[in-house]
Amino acid sequence: MLPACRTADETFAIPQFALTRSDIDSFLDELRGFHTAFRACFTRQEPRDQFFNYLVGQFSALERKSIEPMALRVEGGKVRAMQRLVSDALWDEDAMLRTYHHLVQDEMGEPDGVLIIDETGFAKKGQDSVGVARQYCGSLGKVENAQVGVCAAYASRQGYALVDKRLFIPEPWFTDAYTARRTKCKMPEEVAGQTKPQLAAAMVQDLHRAGVLPFKYLVADCLYGKSPDFWAACEACVGTVAFVATPMDTRCWLQPLATTPHTSTYKGEPRTKRVAVTAKPPGTVAELAQAIPSTLWYRRTVSEGTKGPITYEFARKRIMLCKDEQPTTAVW
């Protein structure tokens, strides 16, 4: 049981999702305005029009939103024309993404915005979609035939929106056995295999360098928290703070930890690193958490789940991460 002083009223209200008729009466006009913002991303009128029909189809009540049922449902929609939009039409994707980021910034950009990294799975029945394989599908909660995408979302007090994505391609897709599939899917030859954290790191760096969406915080789960590539990308975003989960068996020391420089030679080149000056072996973050007194923990409700409020307990300690029995990075 946490002390009363650690369970005070929440510092902000959890937003509730509730629509009224007046909220959607002007929706189609707003959608046309949204579509117009991307006018310059297309070189021809036909794909530009089909892009609008595709948007309308995605917002329809159809259970299965593939091309044919969407085209038949939308007024003026044509199956072949919408198929050409997806498979053959040309548009400037970089310009489209920049335009979209500016729209998100105008609607909900704040200096202390949050960039959220997570993955999601898309169940697939066939074998021909790029990157499809038997792999863990988060939306189903099990290993299944699926594609997996690594996504970046932006959140602030004004709302939240997806802002970037990368398709994860499993290793077998880069073997000779998949040559015919890569050709059939028109997968570019320059595409190289990357882990999910590496894909996430690239998105973080691109969004930070672009400077359109202001964010102070980065959050991700422990799949990314145990990746040096992802940590390096977070640390390169000067002025931001990363809240990234780490596995409970991650080893560390409590700060302050005395260290001394140690010089060695690798392939003829001198190298210097910090070496811990302590006889105490590193412990795990789980052991550290168990040792923290209950008076130092805070309890906060962070969202409304399907089975009630989702509540976490928080405490803060400065630690030094361990790798190969030596200190690496100091984090909270």
Protein backbone atom coordinates (compact mmCIF):
# COMPACT_ATOMS: atom_id res chain seq x y z
CA MET A 1 0.00 0.00 0.00
CA LEU A 2 1.48 3.35 -1.03
CA PRO A 3 1.38 6.35 1.29
CA ALA A 4 -1.44 8.81 0.60
CA CYS A 5 1.05 11.52 -0.36
CA ARG A 6 2.21 9.32 -3.24
CA THR A 7 -1.26 8.74 -4.69
CA ALA A 8 -2.54 12.28 -5.03
CA ASP A 9 -5.00 13.40 -7.70
CA GLU A 10 -3.76 13.00 -11.26
CA THR A 11 -1.90 15.94 -12.79
CA PHE A 12 -4.01 15.79 -15.96
CA ALA A 13 -7.34 14.32 -17.07
CA ILE A 14 -7.34 11.21 -19.25
CA PRO A 15 -9.16 12.25 -22.46
CA GLN A 16 -12.40 10.43 -23.23
CA PHE A 17 -13.32 9.45 -26.80
CA ALA A 18 -16.93 10.51 -27.43
CA LEU A 19 -18.44 11.66 -30.73
CA THR A 20 -21.71 13.51 -31.29
CA ARG A 21 -23.69 14.03 -34.49
CA SER A 22 -22.41 17.60 -34.76
CA ASP A 23 -18.83 16.29 -34.74
CA ILE A 24 -19.33 14.40 -38.00
CA ASP A 25 -21.84 16.56 -39.93
CA SER A 26 -19.03 18.53 -41.61
CA PHE A 27 -16.62 15.61 -41.82
CA LEU A 28 -16.70 15.21 -45.61
CA ASP A 29 -15.92 18.91 -46.14
CA GLU A 30 -12.99 18.63 -43.73
CA LEU A 31 -11.77 15.53 -45.55
CA ARG A 32 -11.82 17.46 -48.84
CA GLY A 33 -9.73 20.18 -47.23
CA PHE A 34 -7.27 17.57 -45.94
CA HIS A 35 -7.08 16.04 -49.44
CA THR A 36 -6.43 19.44 -51.05
CA ALA A 37 -3.31 19.92 -48.90
CA PHE A 38 -1.66 17.07 -50.86
CA ARG A 39 -2.60 18.35 -54.31
CA ALA A 40 0.99 19.15 -55.33
CA CYS A 41 2.15 15.60 -54.45
CA PHE A 42 0.44 14.22 -57.59
CA THR A 43 1.28 15.04 -61.20
CA ARG A 44 -2.07 13.90 -62.69
CA GLN A 45 -5.71 14.55 -61.85
CA GLU A 46 -6.94 10.92 -62.03
CA PRO A 47 -4.73 9.49 -59.26
CA ARG A 48 -5.41 12.64 -57.21
CA ASP A 49 -9.17 11.96 -57.47
CA GLN A 50 -8.76 8.27 -56.68
CA PHE A 51 -6.68 9.23 -53.64
CA PHE A 52 -9.74 11.04 -52.30
CA ASN A 53 -11.99 8.04 -53.05
CA TYR A 54 -9.49 5.81 -51.25
CA LEU A 55 -9.66 8.07 -48.17
CA VAL A 56 -13.47 7.92 -48.20
CA GLY A 57 -13.32 4.13 -48.49
CA GLN A 58 -11.02 3.86 -45.50
CA PHE A 59 -13.52 5.81 -43.40
CA SER A 60 -16.46 3.68 -44.54
CA ALA A 61 -18.27 1.10 -42.42
CA LEU A 62 -16.92 -1.79 -44.53
CA GLU A 63 -15.51 -4.65 -42.48
CA ARG A 64 -12.99 -5.65 -45.17
CA LYS A 65 -11.35 -2.56 -46.64
CA SER A 66 -9.55 -3.95 -49.67
CA ILE A 67 -9.62 -2.11 -53.02
CA GLU A 68 -12.61 -3.73 -54.74
CA PRO A 69 -15.23 -3.37 -51.96
CA MET A 70 -14.05 0.19 -51.23
CA ALA A 71 -14.26 1.22 -54.91
CA LEU A 72 -17.75 -0.25 -55.24
CA ARG A 73 -18.91 1.49 -52.04
CA VAL A 74 -17.64 4.98 -52.89
CA GLU A 75 -19.72 7.20 -55.17
CA GLY A 76 -17.88 7.47 -58.51
CA GLY A 77 -15.31 4.86 -57.47
CA LYS A 78 -13.79 2.58 -60.12
CA VAL A 79 -12.09 -0.68 -59.21
CA ARG A 80 -9.37 -0.59 -61.90
CA ALA A 81 -8.65 3.09 -61.33
CA MET A 82 -8.23 2.61 -57.57
CA GLN A 83 -6.05 -0.45 -58.17
CA ARG A 84 -3.82 1.61 -60.46
CA LEU A 85 -3.54 4.25 -57.74
CA VAL A 86 -2.06 1.71 -55.33
CA SER A 87 0.05 -0.34 -57.76
CA ASP A 88 1.19 1.99 -60.56
CA ALA A 89 0.45 5.67 -59.89
CA LEU A 90 3.33 7.98 -59.05
CA TRP A 91 3.30 10.46 -56.21
CA ASP A 92 5.97 12.29 -54.23
CA GLU A 93 5.98 10.38 -50.94
CA ASP A 94 8.63 12.59 -49.31
CA ALA A 95 6.60 15.72 -50.08
CA MET A 96 3.45 13.97 -48.85
CA LEU A 97 5.10 13.09 -45.54
CA ARG A 98 6.45 16.63 -45.07
CA THR A 99 3.02 18.09 -45.78
CA TYR A 100 1.41 15.72 -43.32
CA HIS A 101 3.96 16.56 -40.61
CA HIS A 102 3.21 20.27 -41.04
CA LEU A 103 -0.52 19.54 -40.68
CA VAL A 104 0.13 17.59 -37.46
CA GLN A 105 2.34 20.40 -36.18
CA ASP A 106 -0.34 23.00 -36.92
CA GLU A 107 -3.05 20.97 -35.16
CA MET A 108 -1.25 19.55 -32.14
CA GLY A 109 2.44 20.49 -32.10
CA GLU A 110 3.83 21.41 -28.66
CA PRO A 111 7.43 21.89 -27.44
CA ASP A 112 7.01 19.05 -24.93
CA GLY A 113 5.39 16.65 -27.39
CA VAL A 114 6.03 12.91 -27.18
CA LEU A 115 7.35 10.62 -29.92
CA ILE A 116 6.08 7.06 -29.41
CA ILE A 117 7.76 4.05 -31.03
CA ASP A 118 5.95 0.71 -31.29
CA GLU A 119 5.24 -2.07 -33.75
CA THR A 120 2.02 -3.54 -35.06
CA GLY A 121 1.18 -6.67 -37.03
CA PHE A 122 -1.14 -7.18 -40.00
CA ALA A 123 -2.52 -10.70 -40.43
CA LYS A 124 -2.17 -12.01 -44.01
CA LYS A 125 -3.66 -15.08 -45.72
CA GLY A 126 -1.37 -15.15 -48.76
CA GLN A 127 2.39 -15.31 -49.30
CA ASP A 128 2.99 -12.58 -51.88
CA SER A 129 2.96 -9.34 -49.86
CA VAL A 130 6.42 -7.91 -49.15
CA GLY A 131 7.78 -9.06 -45.80
CA VAL A 132 4.98 -11.52 -45.06
CA ALA A 133 6.10 -14.48 -42.93
CA ARG A 134 5.17 -16.48 -39.86
CA GLN A 135 6.09 -14.10 -37.06
CA TYR A 136 4.64 -12.64 -33.88
CA CYS A 137 1.58 -10.52 -34.69
CA GLY A 138 0.78 -8.13 -31.84
CA SER A 139 -2.77 -7.46 -33.03
CA LEU A 140 -3.52 -11.19 -32.75
CA GLY A 141 -1.28 -11.88 -29.75
CA LYS A 142 0.35 -14.93 -31.34
CA VAL A 143 2.69 -16.15 -34.07
CA GLU A 144 0.82 -16.02 -37.37
CA ASN A 145 1.30 -15.36 -41.08
CA ALA A 146 1.64 -11.57 -41.06
CA GLN A 147 3.45 -8.39 -41.99
CA VAL A 148 4.92 -6.28 -39.20
CA GLY A 149 5.42 -2.55 -39.29
CA VAL A 150 7.42 -0.35 -36.92
CA CYS A 151 5.50 2.88 -36.35
CA ALA A 152 6.15 6.33 -34.91
CA ALA A 153 3.30 8.31 -33.34
CA TYR A 154 3.19 11.87 -32.05
CA ALA A 155 1.20 12.89 -28.96
CA SER A 156 0.58 16.13 -27.11
CA ARG A 157 -2.17 17.66 -24.97
CA GLN A 158 -3.97 18.45 -28.24
CA GLY A 159 -4.22 14.87 -29.53
CA TYR A 160 -2.19 12.13 -31.18
CA ALA A 161 -1.41 10.87 -34.71
CA LEU A 162 0.75 8.38 -36.55
CA VAL A 163 3.63 10.22 -38.23
CA ASP A 164 5.91 7.60 -39.83
CA LYS A 165 6.29 3.89 -40.50
CA ARG A 166 8.79 1.29 -41.67
CA LEU A 167 8.03 -2.23 -42.92
CA PHE A 168 10.02 -4.92 -41.11
CA ILE A 169 11.35 -7.52 -43.57
CA PRO A 170 12.36 -10.87 -42.00
CA GLU A 171 15.78 -12.33 -42.83
CA PRO A 172 14.50 -15.16 -45.11
CA TRP A 173 13.31 -12.53 -47.58
CA PHE A 174 16.96 -11.70 -48.38
CA THR A 175 17.92 -15.30 -49.23
CA ASP A 176 18.10 -16.87 -52.70
CA ALA A 177 14.93 -18.86 -51.95
CA TYR A 178 12.94 -15.61 -52.01
CA THR A 179 14.41 -14.18 -55.23
CA ALA A 180 11.22 -14.84 -57.23
CA ARG A 181 9.05 -13.27 -54.52
CA ARG A 182 11.23 -10.15 -54.32
CA THR A 183 10.97 -9.75 -58.11
CA LYS A 184 7.20 -10.29 -58.15
CA CYS A 185 6.71 -7.72 -55.39
CA LYS A 186 9.06 -5.25 -57.12
CA MET A 187 11.11 -5.00 -53.95
CA PRO A 188 13.99 -2.53 -54.59
CA GLU A 189 17.40 -4.22 -54.78
CA GLU A 190 18.97 -1.59 -52.52
CA VAL A 191 16.73 -2.53 -49.57
CA ALA A 192 18.88 -4.16 -46.87
CA GLY A 193 17.86 -6.17 -43.84
CA GLN A 194 17.38 -4.17 -40.65
CA THR A 195 16.18 -5.08 -37.17
CA LYS A 196 13.07 -3.39 -35.73
CA PRO A 197 15.18 -1.19 -33.40
CA GLN A 198 17.32 -0.11 -36.37
CA LEU A 199 14.20 0.85 -38.32
CA ALA A 200 12.95 2.77 -35.28
CA ALA A 201 16.33 4.51 -34.87
CA ALA A 202 16.18 5.71 -38.49
CA MET A 203 12.71 7.18 -37.95
CA VAL A 204 13.76 8.95 -34.76
CA GLN A 205 16.78 10.49 -36.47
CA ASP A 206 14.79 11.55 -39.55
CA LEU A 207 12.05 13.21 -37.48
CA HIS A 208 14.55 14.99 -35.25
CA ARG A 209 16.65 16.23 -38.17
CA ALA A 210 13.58 17.49 -40.07
CA GLY A 211 12.66 19.68 -37.09
CA VAL A 212 9.01 20.01 -38.13
CA LEU A 213 7.43 18.14 -35.22
CA PRO A 214 8.66 19.44 -31.85
CA PHE A 215 9.11 16.73 -29.24
CA LYS A 216 10.85 16.57 -25.89
CA TYR A 217 10.22 12.94 -24.97
CA LEU A 218 10.74 9.56 -26.66
CA VAL A 219 9.00 6.42 -25.39
CA ALA A 220 9.34 2.76 -26.42
CA ASP A 221 9.13 -0.73 -24.94
CA CYS A 222 11.98 -3.07 -24.01
CA LEU A 223 12.43 -4.49 -27.53
CA TYR A 224 13.99 -1.10 -28.30
CA GLY A 225 15.37 -0.49 -24.81
CA LYS A 226 17.88 -3.32 -25.17
CA SER A 227 19.17 -2.08 -28.55
CA PRO A 228 22.42 -0.03 -28.66
CA ASP A 229 21.38 1.34 -32.08
CA PHE A 230 18.13 2.72 -30.71
CA TRP A 231 19.79 4.19 -27.60
CA ALA A 232 22.40 5.88 -29.80
CA ALA A 233 19.63 7.46 -31.90
CA CYS A 234 17.89 8.75 -28.77
CA GLU A 235 21.10 10.19 -27.34
CA ALA A 236 21.79 11.96 -30.64
CA CYS A 237 18.51 13.90 -30.27
CA VAL A 238 19.99 16.69 -28.15
CA GLY A 239 17.47 18.27 -25.80
CA THR A 240 15.16 15.26 -25.58
CA VAL A 241 14.53 12.72 -22.81
CA ALA A 242 14.00 9.02 -23.58
CA PHE A 243 11.62 6.94 -21.45
CA VAL A 244 12.43 3.47 -22.72
CA ALA A 245 11.59 0.18 -21.03
CA THR A 246 14.42 -2.23 -20.33
CA PRO A 247 14.33 -5.97 -19.55
CA MET A 248 14.16 -6.80 -15.83
CA ASP A 249 17.45 -8.74 -16.03
CA THR A 250 19.39 -5.69 -17.33
CA ARG A 251 22.49 -5.37 -15.16
CA CYS A 252 23.63 -2.11 -13.59
CA TRP A 253 25.24 -0.35 -10.63
CA LEU A 254 23.72 2.39 -8.53
CA GLN A 255 25.27 5.79 -9.15
CA PRO A 256 27.63 7.34 -8.20
CA LEU A 257 30.09 4.67 -9.34
CA ALA A 258 33.82 5.28 -9.17
CA THR A 259 35.61 4.60 -12.47
CA THR A 260 39.13 4.91 -13.79
CA PRO A 261 40.42 5.15 -17.39
CA HIS A 262 41.90 1.97 -18.83
CA THR A 263 43.97 2.06 -22.05
CA SER A 264 44.39 -0.95 -24.35
CA THR A 265 45.41 -1.63 -27.95
CA TYR A 266 43.08 -3.05 -30.61
CA LYS A 267 44.44 -3.77 -34.11
CA GLY A 268 47.34 -1.47 -33.43
CA GLU A 269 45.11 1.43 -32.33
CA PRO A 270 45.04 2.67 -28.69
CA ARG A 271 41.64 2.64 -27.01
CA THR A 272 40.54 4.13 -23.70
CA LYS A 273 37.46 3.14 -21.72
CA ARG A 274 36.14 3.63 -18.21
CA VAL A 275 36.54 0.69 -15.83
CA ALA A 276 34.54 0.34 -12.62
CA VAL A 277 36.53 0.66 -9.40
CA THR A 278 34.36 -1.54 -7.19
CA ALA A 279 34.41 -5.04 -5.83
CA LYS A 280 30.62 -5.19 -5.90
CA PRO A 281 29.25 -7.02 -8.95
CA PRO A 282 26.44 -5.40 -10.92
CA GLY A 283 22.86 -6.28 -9.99
CA THR A 284 19.68 -6.37 -12.06
CA VAL A 285 17.12 -3.59 -12.33
CA ALA A 286 14.56 -5.99 -10.82
CA GLU A 287 16.74 -6.44 -7.72
CA LEU A 288 17.22 -2.68 -7.51
CA ALA A 289 13.46 -2.08 -7.70
CA GLN A 290 12.82 -4.58 -4.90
CA ALA A 291 15.26 -2.72 -2.65
CA ILE A 292 13.62 0.71 -3.07
CA PRO A 293 11.49 1.65 0.01
CA SER A 294 7.74 1.96 -0.59
CA THR A 295 7.81 5.63 0.46
CA LEU A 296 9.82 6.47 -2.68
CA TRP A 297 7.24 5.07 -5.12
CA TYR A 298 4.53 7.10 -6.86
CA ARG A 299 1.34 5.60 -8.29
CA ARG A 300 -0.23 7.09 -11.42
CA THR A 301 -3.14 6.06 -13.66
CA VAL A 302 -1.96 6.46 -17.24
CA SER A 303 -4.94 5.34 -19.34
CA GLU A 304 -8.33 3.67 -19.39
CA GLY A 305 -7.96 0.02 -20.42
CA THR A 306 -10.63 -2.38 -21.64
CA LYS A 307 -10.81 -3.88 -18.15
CA GLY A 308 -10.49 -0.67 -16.15
CA PRO A 309 -7.83 1.95 -15.37
CA ILE A 310 -4.20 1.04 -16.15
CA THR A 311 -2.02 2.08 -13.21
CA TYR A 312 1.76 2.06 -12.78
CA GLU A 313 4.13 2.76 -9.91
CA PHE A 314 7.14 5.00 -10.44
CA ALA A 315 10.44 5.60 -8.65
CA ARG A 316 13.61 7.28 -9.90
CA LYS A 317 17.22 6.19 -9.40
CA ARG A 318 20.39 7.08 -11.26
CA ILE A 319 22.21 3.94 -12.47
CA MET A 320 25.19 2.95 -14.58
CA LEU A 321 24.43 0.28 -17.18
CA CYS A 322 26.78 -2.67 -17.48
CA LYS A 323 28.19 -4.42 -20.54
CA ASP A 324 30.91 -7.08 -20.43
CA GLU A 325 31.28 -6.40 -16.70
CA GLN A 326 32.18 -2.78 -17.37
CA PRO A 327 30.16 0.50 -17.06
CA THR A 328 28.69 1.96 -20.24
CA THR A 329 25.95 4.60 -20.00
CA ALA A 330 24.53 6.46 -16.98
CA VAL A 331 20.73 6.68 -17.10
CA TRP A 332 17.80 7.30 -14.75
